[in-house]
């Protein structure tokens, strides 16, 4: 009996985790839908925000896991919305640097708020103790994958 429960848990756990993450993502996207942001554009903004400095277009494409031409399309849309700017890299004049604008940074804050709201809405049925236990488990999993 224990073996069947362990097998069921090992089978269900990844699926439940992915479905939960998907619900948070969908809730966040619903809050951001009026902005017309695509998931790739949102990811690019988050990467630029985490970098804390301008990134070369090639580095951004690599972090996004897409070819540079596709990154250009993403950045074209973000630049049109005044969320990023492009400039020449002073170290390599052929390279393009992408910089988050003030309005892009404000949008990142809004995106973060939307993600927190979606998570809060999802987890509100859990007691504070169970939320803290879940946070501890996820933090432990995150620290073991980062090693």
Protein backbone atom coordinates (compact mmCIF):
# COMPACT_ATOMS: atom_id res chain seq x y z
CA UNK A 1 0.00 0.00 0.00
CA UNK A 2 2.81 2.44 0.89
CA UNK A 3 4.51 1.73 -2.40
CA UNK A 4 1.34 2.62 -4.35
CA UNK A 5 1.00 5.88 -2.37
CA UNK A 6 4.64 6.77 -3.07
CA UNK A 7 4.21 6.03 -6.78
CA UNK A 8 1.02 8.10 -6.89
CA UNK A 9 2.75 11.00 -5.15
CA UNK A 10 5.74 10.85 -7.51
CA UNK A 11 3.35 10.82 -10.47
CA UNK A 12 0.97 13.51 -9.17
CA UNK A 13 3.50 15.91 -7.68
CA UNK A 14 5.06 17.21 -10.89
CA UNK A 15 1.66 17.52 -12.55
CA UNK A 16 0.16 19.38 -9.60
CA UNK A 17 3.18 21.67 -9.40
CA UNK A 18 3.01 22.53 -13.11
CA UNK A 19 -0.74 23.13 -13.00
CA UNK A 20 -0.33 25.42 -10.00
CA UNK A 21 2.45 27.41 -11.71
CA UNK A 22 0.29 27.64 -14.82
CA UNK A 23 -2.63 29.04 -12.80
CA UNK A 24 -0.37 31.73 -11.33
CA UNK A 25 0.94 32.58 -14.81
CA UNK A 26 -2.57 32.76 -16.28
CA UNK A 27 -3.75 34.99 -13.45
CA UNK A 28 -0.81 37.30 -14.00
CA UNK A 29 -1.35 37.38 -17.77
CA UNK A 30 -5.03 38.20 -17.28
CA UNK A 31 -4.03 41.26 -15.24
CA UNK A 32 -1.54 42.30 -17.93
CA UNK A 33 -3.72 41.50 -20.96
CA UNK A 34 -4.79 45.13 -21.44
CA UNK A 35 -1.13 45.99 -22.09
CA UNK A 36 -0.90 43.56 -25.00
CA UNK A 37 2.33 42.00 -23.71
CA UNK A 38 3.30 38.64 -25.13
CA UNK A 39 4.97 36.08 -22.84
CA UNK A 40 8.27 36.57 -24.71
CA UNK A 41 8.10 40.33 -24.20
CA UNK A 42 7.34 39.87 -20.50
CA UNK A 43 10.30 37.47 -20.16
CA UNK A 44 12.60 39.93 -21.95
CA UNK A 45 11.57 42.70 -19.56
CA UNK A 46 12.17 40.46 -16.54
CA UNK A 47 15.61 39.46 -17.84
CA UNK A 48 16.56 43.09 -18.42
CA UNK A 49 15.28 44.01 -14.97
CA UNK A 50 17.26 41.25 -13.28
CA UNK A 51 20.41 42.15 -15.21
CA UNK A 52 20.38 45.61 -13.67
CA UNK A 53 22.39 46.95 -16.61
CA UNK A 54 22.05 47.16 -20.38
CA UNK A 55 22.41 43.82 -22.17
CA UNK A 56 23.73 43.09 -25.60
CA UNK A 57 21.01 41.91 -27.93
CA UNK A 58 22.90 38.63 -28.42
CA UNK A 59 23.06 38.02 -24.66
CA UNK A 60 19.35 38.76 -24.32
CA UNK A 61 18.53 36.34 -27.15
CA UNK A 62 20.65 33.67 -25.48
CA UNK A 63 18.92 34.15 -22.11
CA UNK A 64 15.54 34.03 -23.83
CA UNK A 65 16.57 30.84 -25.65
CA UNK A 66 15.73 32.30 -29.06
CA UNK A 67 17.68 33.27 -32.16
CA UNK A 68 18.87 36.88 -32.40
CA UNK A 69 16.41 37.67 -35.21
CA UNK A 70 13.51 36.69 -32.98
CA UNK A 71 14.94 38.81 -30.17
CA UNK A 72 14.96 41.76 -32.55
CA UNK A 73 11.22 41.30 -33.12
CA UNK A 74 10.60 41.19 -29.36
CA UNK A 75 12.71 44.29 -28.75
CA UNK A 76 11.07 46.15 -31.66
CA UNK A 77 7.70 45.83 -29.91
CA UNK A 78 9.11 46.78 -26.50
CA UNK A 79 10.88 49.79 -27.97
CA UNK A 80 7.71 50.90 -29.77
CA UNK A 81 5.94 50.88 -26.40
CA UNK A 82 8.82 52.90 -24.85
CA UNK A 83 9.69 50.12 -22.41
CA UNK A 84 13.26 49.69 -23.71
CA UNK A 85 15.77 51.63 -25.77
CA UNK A 86 18.54 50.44 -28.02
CA UNK A 87 21.99 51.92 -28.27
CA UNK A 88 25.47 51.17 -29.51
CA UNK A 89 27.78 49.24 -27.22
CA UNK A 90 30.80 51.52 -26.59
CA UNK A 91 33.06 48.46 -26.28
CA UNK A 92 31.95 46.94 -29.59
CA UNK A 93 30.31 49.46 -31.92
CA UNK A 94 28.70 46.66 -33.97
CA UNK A 95 26.84 45.32 -30.92
CA UNK A 96 23.48 46.67 -29.78
CA UNK A 97 22.74 47.31 -26.11
CA UNK A 98 19.18 47.08 -24.82
CA UNK A 99 18.28 49.24 -21.82
CA UNK A 100 15.12 49.25 -19.72
CA UNK A 101 13.41 52.67 -19.69
CA UNK A 102 11.76 54.21 -16.64
CA UNK A 103 8.36 53.20 -18.03
CA UNK A 104 9.73 49.68 -18.58
CA UNK A 105 10.89 49.55 -14.95
CA UNK A 106 7.43 50.75 -13.85
CA UNK A 107 5.87 48.00 -15.96
CA UNK A 108 8.14 45.43 -14.30
CA UNK A 109 6.82 46.56 -10.93
CA UNK A 110 3.28 46.18 -12.23
CA UNK A 111 4.11 42.71 -13.57
CA UNK A 112 5.57 41.70 -10.21
CA UNK A 113 2.49 43.02 -8.42
CA UNK A 114 0.27 41.04 -10.82
CA UNK A 115 2.24 37.85 -10.14
CA UNK A 116 1.98 38.35 -6.39
CA UNK A 117 -1.76 39.03 -6.67
CA UNK A 118 -2.28 35.88 -8.76
CA UNK A 119 -0.35 33.81 -6.20
CA UNK A 120 -2.19 35.42 -3.29
CA UNK A 121 -5.53 34.65 -4.95
CA UNK A 122 -4.47 31.05 -5.53
CA UNK A 123 -3.07 30.40 -2.06
CA UNK A 124 -5.61 32.35 0.00
CA UNK A 125 -7.43 29.14 0.97
CA UNK A 126 -4.32 27.82 2.71
CA UNK A 127 -3.72 28.71 6.33
CA UNK A 128 -0.74 30.98 7.02
CA UNK A 129 1.11 27.99 8.48
CA UNK A 130 0.57 25.86 5.37
CA UNK A 131 1.63 28.75 3.10
CA UNK A 132 4.83 29.10 5.12
CA UNK A 133 5.47 25.35 4.91
CA UNK A 134 4.96 25.47 1.14
CA UNK A 135 7.29 28.47 0.88
CA UNK A 136 9.97 26.62 2.87
CA UNK A 137 9.67 23.52 0.67
CA UNK A 138 9.87 25.56 -2.54
CA UNK A 139 12.84 27.55 -1.21
CA UNK A 140 14.61 24.29 -0.38
CA UNK A 141 13.92 22.89 -3.84
CA UNK A 142 15.11 26.14 -5.43
CA UNK A 143 18.36 26.12 -3.45
CA UNK A 144 19.15 22.52 -4.42
CA UNK A 145 18.62 23.21 -8.14
CA UNK A 146 20.80 26.34 -8.00
CA UNK A 147 23.84 24.37 -6.84
